[in-house]
Protein backbone atom coordinates (compact mmCIF):
# COMPACT_ATOMS: atom_id res chain seq x y z
CA UNK A 1 -3.65 6.18 -21.33
CA UNK A 2 -4.35 3.44 -18.47
CA UNK A 3 -1.34 1.92 -18.50
CA UNK A 4 0.47 5.13 -18.33
CA UNK A 5 -1.11 5.58 -15.43
CA UNK A 6 0.07 2.54 -13.80
CA UNK A 7 3.69 3.02 -14.82
CA UNK A 8 3.22 6.27 -12.89
CA UNK A 9 2.09 4.44 -10.11
CA UNK A 10 4.86 2.05 -10.19
CA UNK A 11 7.45 4.57 -9.90
CA UNK A 12 5.91 6.57 -7.19
CA UNK A 13 6.29 3.30 -5.19
CA UNK A 14 9.49 2.90 -6.47
CA UNK A 15 10.34 6.34 -5.13
CA UNK A 16 8.78 5.68 -1.88
CA UNK A 17 10.12 2.57 -1.54
CA UNK A 18 14.13 4.25 -1.81
CA UNK A 19 13.18 6.74 0.91
CA UNK A 20 11.80 4.12 2.80
CA UNK A 21 15.07 2.47 2.52
CA UNK A 22 16.90 5.66 2.96
CA UNK A 23 15.64 6.12 6.30
CA UNK A 24 15.18 2.69 7.66
CA UNK A 25 18.76 3.32 9.83
CA UNK A 26 16.81 6.88 11.24
CA UNK A 27 13.91 4.35 12.70
CA UNK A 28 14.47 2.53 16.16
CA UNK A 29 11.84 0.06 16.57
CA UNK A 30 7.87 0.13 16.38
CA UNK A 31 7.48 4.00 18.40
CA UNK A 32 9.42 5.04 15.37
CA UNK A 33 8.37 3.87 12.59
CA UNK A 34 4.47 4.96 13.91
CA UNK A 35 5.58 8.25 14.61
CA UNK A 36 7.37 8.24 10.74
CA UNK A 37 4.05 6.53 9.00
CA UNK A 38 2.30 9.20 11.01
CA UNK A 39 4.14 12.25 10.25
CA UNK A 40 3.27 10.91 6.17
CA UNK A 41 -0.34 9.75 6.56
CA UNK A 42 -0.48 13.38 8.02
CA UNK A 43 1.28 14.23 5.06
CA UNK A 44 -1.24 12.47 2.38
CA UNK A 45 -4.43 14.31 4.38
CA UNK A 46 -2.60 17.66 3.90
CA UNK A 47 -1.90 17.14 -0.17
CA UNK A 48 -5.39 15.35 -0.68
CA UNK A 49 -7.51 18.90 1.17
CA UNK A 50 -5.10 21.65 -0.73
CA UNK A 51 -6.39 19.10 -4.12
CA UNK A 52 -9.88 19.66 -3.28
CA UNK A 53 -9.45 22.91 -2.42
CA UNK A 54 -7.44 23.53 -5.67
CA UNK A 55 -10.16 21.54 -8.12
CA UNK A 56 -13.24 23.46 -6.75
CA UNK A 57 -14.32 20.34 -4.79
CA UNK A 58 -14.95 22.09 -1.49
CA UNK A 59 -18.66 21.37 -1.35
CA UNK A 60 -18.13 17.26 -1.94
CA UNK A 61 -16.11 17.37 1.59
CA UNK A 62 -20.18 16.77 3.18
CA UNK A 63 -19.50 13.70 2.08
CA UNK A 64 -23.61 10.87 2.19
CA UNK A 65 -22.92 7.67 5.09
CA UNK A 66 -21.98 5.27 2.50
CA UNK A 67 -19.35 7.39 1.37
CA UNK A 68 -18.27 7.70 5.28
CA UNK A 69 -18.38 4.48 5.99
CA UNK A 70 -16.16 3.31 2.39
CA UNK A 71 -13.28 6.03 3.44
CA UNK A 72 -13.83 4.78 7.22
CA UNK A 73 -12.92 0.67 5.84
CA UNK A 74 -9.93 2.60 3.35
CA UNK A 75 -8.04 4.62 6.62
CA UNK A 76 -8.38 1.52 9.36
CA UNK A 77 -7.69 -1.20 6.27
CA UNK A 78 -4.65 1.48 5.51
CA UNK A 79 -3.70 1.56 9.37
CA UNK A 80 -3.73 -2.02 9.48
CA UNK A 81 -1.14 -2.96 7.12
CA UNK A 82 0.87 -0.13 8.41
CA UNK A 83 0.84 -1.82 11.80
CA UNK A 84 0.29 -5.16 10.94
CA UNK A 85 3.44 -5.07 8.47
CA UNK A 86 5.43 -3.35 10.92
CA UNK A 87 4.68 -5.83 13.53
CA UNK A 88 4.79 -8.88 10.66
CA UNK A 89 8.71 -8.23 10.01
CA UNK A 90 9.85 -8.30 13.99
CA UNK A 91 8.47 -12.19 13.94
CA UNK A 92 8.80 -13.19 10.24
CA UNK A 93 12.07 -13.37 7.49
CA UNK A 94 11.49 -11.06 4.70
CA UNK A 95 10.50 -13.71 2.77
CA UNK A 96 7.19 -14.50 4.93
CA UNK A 97 6.11 -11.31 4.41
CA UNK A 98 6.70 -10.66 0.27
CA UNK A 99 4.78 -14.11 -0.38
CA UNK A 100 2.08 -13.14 1.83
CA UNK A 101 1.47 -9.41 1.27
CA UNK A 102 1.62 -11.14 -2.48
CA UNK A 103 -1.15 -13.41 -1.85
CA UNK A 104 -3.04 -10.30 -0.10
CA UNK A 105 -3.18 -8.71 -3.72
CA UNK A 106 -5.44 -10.97 -5.00
CA UNK A 107 -7.88 -10.27 -2.23
CA UNK A 108 -9.65 -7.54 -4.31
CA UNK A 109 -10.18 -9.67 -7.02
CA UNK A 110 -11.88 -11.95 -5.48
CA UNK A 111 -14.06 -9.83 -3.25
CA UNK A 112 -14.84 -7.93 -6.70
CA UNK A 113 -15.96 -11.78 -8.00
CA UNK A 114 -18.56 -12.23 -4.97
CA UNK A 115 -19.99 -9.08 -4.56
CA UNK A 116 -19.71 -7.27 -8.24
CA UNK A 117 -19.20 -10.36 -10.99
CA UNK A 118 -16.04 -9.46 -11.97
CA UNK A 119 -14.83 -12.68 -13.58
CA UNK A 120 -11.44 -13.80 -13.24
CA UNK A 121 -10.07 -16.05 -16.07
CA UNK A 122 -8.35 -18.60 -15.64
CA UNK A 123 -5.93 -17.01 -17.84
CA UNK A 124 -5.61 -13.83 -15.46
CA UNK A 125 -5.23 -16.64 -12.21
CA UNK A 126 -1.89 -17.83 -14.79
CA UNK A 127 -0.58 -14.47 -14.57
CA UNK A 128 -1.30 -14.28 -10.74
CA UNK A 129 0.11 -17.55 -9.73
CA UNK A 130 3.87 -16.46 -12.37
CA UNK A 131 4.06 -13.39 -8.97
CA UNK A 132 3.91 -15.53 -6.93
CA UNK A 133 6.22 -17.70 -8.14
CA UNK A 134 8.09 -14.45 -8.57
CA UNK A 135 7.65 -13.16 -5.29
CA UNK A 136 9.21 -16.22 -3.93
CA UNK A 137 12.34 -16.22 -6.13
CA UNK A 138 13.02 -12.74 -6.02
CA UNK A 139 12.77 -12.43 -1.76
CA UNK A 140 14.65 -15.61 -1.23
CA UNK A 141 17.96 -14.27 -2.21
CA UNK A 142 17.66 -11.29 0.53
CA UNK A 143 19.33 -12.41 3.48
CA UNK A 144 17.79 -13.23 6.87
CA UNK A 145 17.48 -14.32 10.20
CA UNK A 146 15.87 -17.28 10.62
CA UNK A 147 12.60 -16.40 13.36
CA UNK A 148 10.95 -19.38 14.83
CA UNK A 149 7.10 -18.99 13.43
CA UNK A 150 4.08 -19.59 15.78
CA UNK A 151 0.70 -18.23 15.82
CA UNK A 152 1.14 -14.29 16.57
CA UNK A 153 4.01 -14.79 13.63
CA UNK A 154 1.65 -16.38 11.17
CA UNK A 155 -1.42 -14.01 12.76
CA UNK A 156 0.34 -10.71 11.70
CA UNK A 157 0.54 -12.01 8.10
CA UNK A 158 -2.62 -12.77 7.69
CA UNK A 159 -3.27 -9.04 9.43
CA UNK A 160 -1.06 -7.25 7.34
CA UNK A 161 -2.13 -8.97 4.09
CA UNK A 162 -5.97 -8.32 4.79
CA UNK A 163 -4.74 -4.51 5.70
CA UNK A 164 -3.30 -3.90 1.75
CA UNK A 165 -5.96 -6.39 0.23
CA UNK A 166 -8.74 -4.51 1.88
CA UNK A 167 -7.11 -1.39 1.31
CA UNK A 168 -7.43 -1.96 -2.33
CA UNK A 169 -11.48 -3.52 -2.01
CA UNK A 170 -12.16 -0.14 -0.24
CA UNK A 171 -10.91 1.73 -4.24
CA UNK A 172 -13.40 -0.85 -6.10
CA UNK A 173 -16.60 0.14 -3.24
CA UNK A 174 -15.97 3.63 -4.24
CA UNK A 175 -15.31 3.41 -7.55
CA UNK A 176 -18.35 1.01 -8.13
CA UNK A 177 -20.67 3.59 -5.79
CA UNK A 178 -19.19 6.94 -6.44
CA UNK A 179 -17.31 7.51 -9.81
CA UNK A 180 -18.99 8.01 -13.07
CA UNK A 181 -18.24 4.75 -14.33
CA UNK A 182 -19.97 2.97 -11.38
CA UNK A 183 -21.91 0.33 -12.32
CA UNK A 184 -23.63 0.54 -8.69
CA UNK A 185 -23.52 4.50 -8.77
CA UNK A 186 -26.18 6.78 -7.75
CA UNK A 187 -26.65 10.89 -8.55
CA UNK A 188 -24.00 11.83 -5.89
CA UNK A 189 -20.75 11.44 -7.11
CA UNK A 190 -17.39 12.25 -5.44
CA UNK A 191 -14.12 13.30 -6.60
CA UNK A 192 -11.15 11.14 -6.19
CA UNK A 193 -9.94 13.92 -4.18
CA UNK A 194 -12.31 14.11 -1.50
CA UNK A 195 -12.40 9.83 -1.06
CA UNK A 196 -8.20 10.09 -0.68
CA UNK A 197 -8.58 12.68 1.67
CA UNK A 198 -10.74 11.35 3.89
CA UNK A 199 -8.97 7.49 3.76
CA UNK A 200 -5.34 9.74 4.67
CA UNK A 201 -8.01 11.74 7.94
CA UNK A 202 -8.94 8.02 8.95
CA UNK A 203 -5.82 6.56 8.84
CA UNK A 204 -4.19 8.80 10.51
CA UNK A 205 -6.36 8.95 13.47
CA UNK A 206 -6.40 5.14 13.91
CA UNK A 207 -2.55 5.41 13.56
CA UNK A 208 -2.70 8.47 16.58
CA UNK A 209 -4.28 6.27 18.82
CA UNK A 210 -2.15 3.63 18.73
CA UNK A 211 0.80 5.91 18.99
CA UNK A 212 -0.52 7.39 21.95
CA UNK A 213 -0.68 3.91 23.44
CA UNK A 214 3.23 3.41 22.23
CA UNK A 215 3.76 6.91 24.37
CA UNK A 216 1.90 5.64 27.70
CA UNK A 217 4.24 2.81 27.68
CA UNK A 218 7.91 4.28 26.46
CA UNK A 219 6.45 7.02 29.66
CA UNK A 220 5.93 3.98 31.93
CA UNK A 221 9.60 2.80 31.51
CA UNK A 222 10.97 6.25 31.40
CA UNK A 223 11.76 6.83 28.27
CA UNK A 224 11.46 10.46 26.34
CA UNK A 225 11.27 11.90 22.35
CA UNK A 226 14.08 14.40 23.52
CA UNK A 227 16.84 11.92 22.27
CA UNK A 228 15.60 11.62 18.99
CA UNK A 229 14.55 14.13 17.96
CA UNK A 230 17.65 14.92 15.55
CA UNK A 231 16.81 11.30 14.17
CA UNK A 232 13.62 12.65 12.99
CA UNK A 233 14.35 15.42 11.51
CA UNK A 234 16.87 14.14 9.35
CA UNK A 235 13.57 11.56 7.92
CA UNK A 236 11.57 14.38 7.55
CA UNK A 237 12.70 15.76 4.10
CA UNK A 238 12.13 11.85 3.21
CA UNK A 239 8.46 11.42 5.02
CA UNK A 240 7.79 14.59 2.93
CA UNK A 241 8.52 12.93 -0.27
CA UNK A 242 7.21 9.65 0.13
CA UNK A 243 4.19 11.38 1.42
CA UNK A 244 3.58 12.42 -2.20
CA UNK A 245 4.85 9.42 -3.42
CA UNK A 246 2.26 7.50 -1.52
CA UNK A 247 -0.93 9.74 -2.31
CA UNK A 248 0.61 9.73 -6.20
CA UNK A 249 0.72 5.97 -6.18
CA UNK A 250 -2.79 5.41 -4.41
CA UNK A 251 -4.37 8.26 -6.67
CA UNK A 252 -3.23 6.92 -9.59
CA UNK A 253 -4.80 3.28 -8.96
CA UNK A 254 -7.99 4.97 -8.08
CA UNK A 255 -7.97 6.61 -11.46
CA UNK A 256 -6.93 3.37 -13.39
CA UNK A 257 -9.74 1.67 -11.91
CA UNK A 258 -12.29 4.24 -11.90
CA UNK A 259 -12.31 6.29 -15.28
CA UNK A 260 -10.03 4.20 -17.00
CA UNK A 261 -12.64 0.82 -15.78
CA UNK A 262 -9.29 -1.52 -15.33
CA UNK A 263 -10.25 -4.60 -13.70
CA UNK A 264 -9.21 -5.62 -10.32
CA UNK A 265 -7.99 -9.00 -10.97
CA UNK A 266 -5.51 -6.85 -13.59
CA UNK A 267 -4.73 -3.65 -11.40
CA UNK A 268 -3.19 -4.84 -7.69
CA UNK A 269 -1.13 -7.79 -9.70
CA UNK A 270 0.02 -5.75 -11.63
CA UNK A 271 0.96 -3.55 -8.86
CA UNK A 272 2.76 -6.07 -6.89
CA UNK A 273 4.32 -7.59 -9.98
CA UNK A 274 5.47 -4.36 -10.90
CA UNK A 275 6.99 -3.52 -7.50
CA UNK A 276 9.05 -6.21 -7.61
CA UNK A 277 10.66 -5.27 -10.31
CA UNK A 278 11.58 -1.91 -10.00
CA UNK A 279 12.58 -3.34 -6.08
CA UNK A 280 15.47 -4.61 -8.00
CA UNK A 281 16.38 -2.06 -9.64
CA UNK A 282 16.11 -0.08 -6.54
CA UNK A 283 18.65 -2.16 -4.53
CA UNK A 284 21.27 -1.45 -7.02
CA UNK A 285 21.82 2.00 -5.42
CA UNK A 286 22.77 0.20 -1.85
CA UNK A 287 25.30 -1.85 -3.19
CA UNK A 288 23.52 -5.26 -3.60
CA UNK A 289 24.58 -7.13 -6.85
CA UNK A 290 22.25 -7.86 -9.40
CA UNK A 291 22.44 -11.35 -9.80
CA UNK A 292 20.75 -14.58 -11.58
CA UNK A 293 18.42 -15.62 -9.24
CA UNK A 294 17.42 -11.38 -9.40
CA UNK A 295 17.34 -11.92 -13.39
CA UNK A 296 14.75 -14.56 -13.32
CA UNK A 297 12.20 -13.52 -10.97
CA UNK A 298 12.16 -10.35 -12.70
CA UNK A 299 11.93 -12.62 -16.08
CA UNK A 300 9.06 -14.23 -14.09
CA UNK A 301 7.30 -11.21 -12.98
CA UNK A 302 6.97 -9.95 -16.30
CA UNK A 303 5.74 -12.93 -17.67
CA UNK A 304 3.00 -12.24 -15.06
CA UNK A 305 1.93 -9.50 -15.74
CA UNK A 306 1.87 -9.88 -19.48
CA UNK A 307 -0.60 -12.89 -18.91
CA UNK A 308 -2.46 -10.79 -16.87
CA UNK A 309 -3.40 -7.69 -19.31
CA UNK A 310 -3.59 -10.15 -22.65
CA UNK A 311 -5.07 -13.88 -21.23
């Protein structure tokens, strides 16, 4: 059952990636991307609120201090990843971004090993290494302009990877302290929907502050939003689908690690490796050929996934 849930998460992430590619031409610069991401986060929060109400869990919205800080960490991590990724792709090649984010998938496993005594076996490290190699092989096939690497470029890569990794670790904190299968859980248990609702609320608030700063900068430069309304309206349906898929993917991952107890050192690298594979399928819809390098990278990623689950 847990593998079906992970598969559904991969499907949702693949659809999200497809929609993101579709509206990539509508976004001109960091400001437009920030608007798109803020809309997506607000929609995710609304979805979470509806699920909370549908599950008659409204009383659980009154969370304690520990749960509050976990949700703040999750929201800040999500916002940091979004902002960090937006800026990182401006300063770095996609190869560097993809490889660094793959390394970031190891962060939740490392932190869980330190704080929750989750062992990382050599077999699982080997599986992760294969997925890392696959990310290099698959990313290097992309055509990209060479960009000068400096301190800021490296900082943004690390910032985005930390945001992505801490997002996964926040899911583990929620699992450990506030789910039925958590080893540190007390009497207070919260539904997954409550965790995700507050995560997206805090992420949206943080990104809103970033956007306000960008609006002030644009006003000083005499730029307005009126000329971009057509692009925003065209992108809105895709953003709605992306919001639904993002919420579904994260909800599935929380369920896989919480209700079904999938270890962090398996879940996050498997999701990252699966996305490397499905990205090649998505690329076919945009006229990209499936090359020998694609086949090699996909095979390596699948071998890594098998190692993570069997060793």
